[in-house]
């Protein structure tokens, strides 16, 4: 049992490494994210001026920026394979689950980079005080995993559609309603202090359950999505 599992891990890691090398070479997604996030936060800063924002509004604005940036920058994980004509090679040399795992890991990595830039920029420019850094990190990690799982599956679904551009945000937003409600609640509790971990137990549980359900469903369905 160990050898097939090692082979599966090697295949998934090879897909991740391929995407990472291509991204480091082109810097398409990272460049787009690094331009979009600071520009959006600067726009928020100019609109709010010197008015203090409550932790509820700060957390909501942070995840609005992250969600829109993710929907713009992460949709090319499978579109790029179609554009380069490498889909057939992946189908011949890797299993569908390897492709999904590798793409999921790559999108998870990109989302973490995006969120690090977004959180740092908002804390710096909007003078946000983080009362519970551990709670903020846990919320971001669980939210990123659920967001990456949903985005990876939907990106595969729309890769061969004629109107790829607007499809990902349209399909993504309704699916992410439970995740967005929970990450905003967890982030708000991390910003404002108070009960901290105790107040965020339900939100963290929802985030973990959402990520588990989405990724499990994606693994079960991805073989049909990838090969049909």
Foldseek 3Di string as FASTA:
>chain_A
DVVVVVVLVVLLQVLLVVVVVVCVVVVVLVVQLVVQQLVLLVVVCVVCPPDADALLVLLLSLVVSLVVSLLQRLLCSVLVCVVVVCLVVCVVPHALLSNLSNSLVNQLVSSVVSSVVNVVSCCVRNVFAFQAVPLLVLLSNLLSLLLSLQSSLVSLQLSPPPPNNPPSVVVPVVLCPLSSVLSSQSSSCRRPPDPRPVSNVVSSVSSNVSSVVSNVVCSVCRNVSSPD
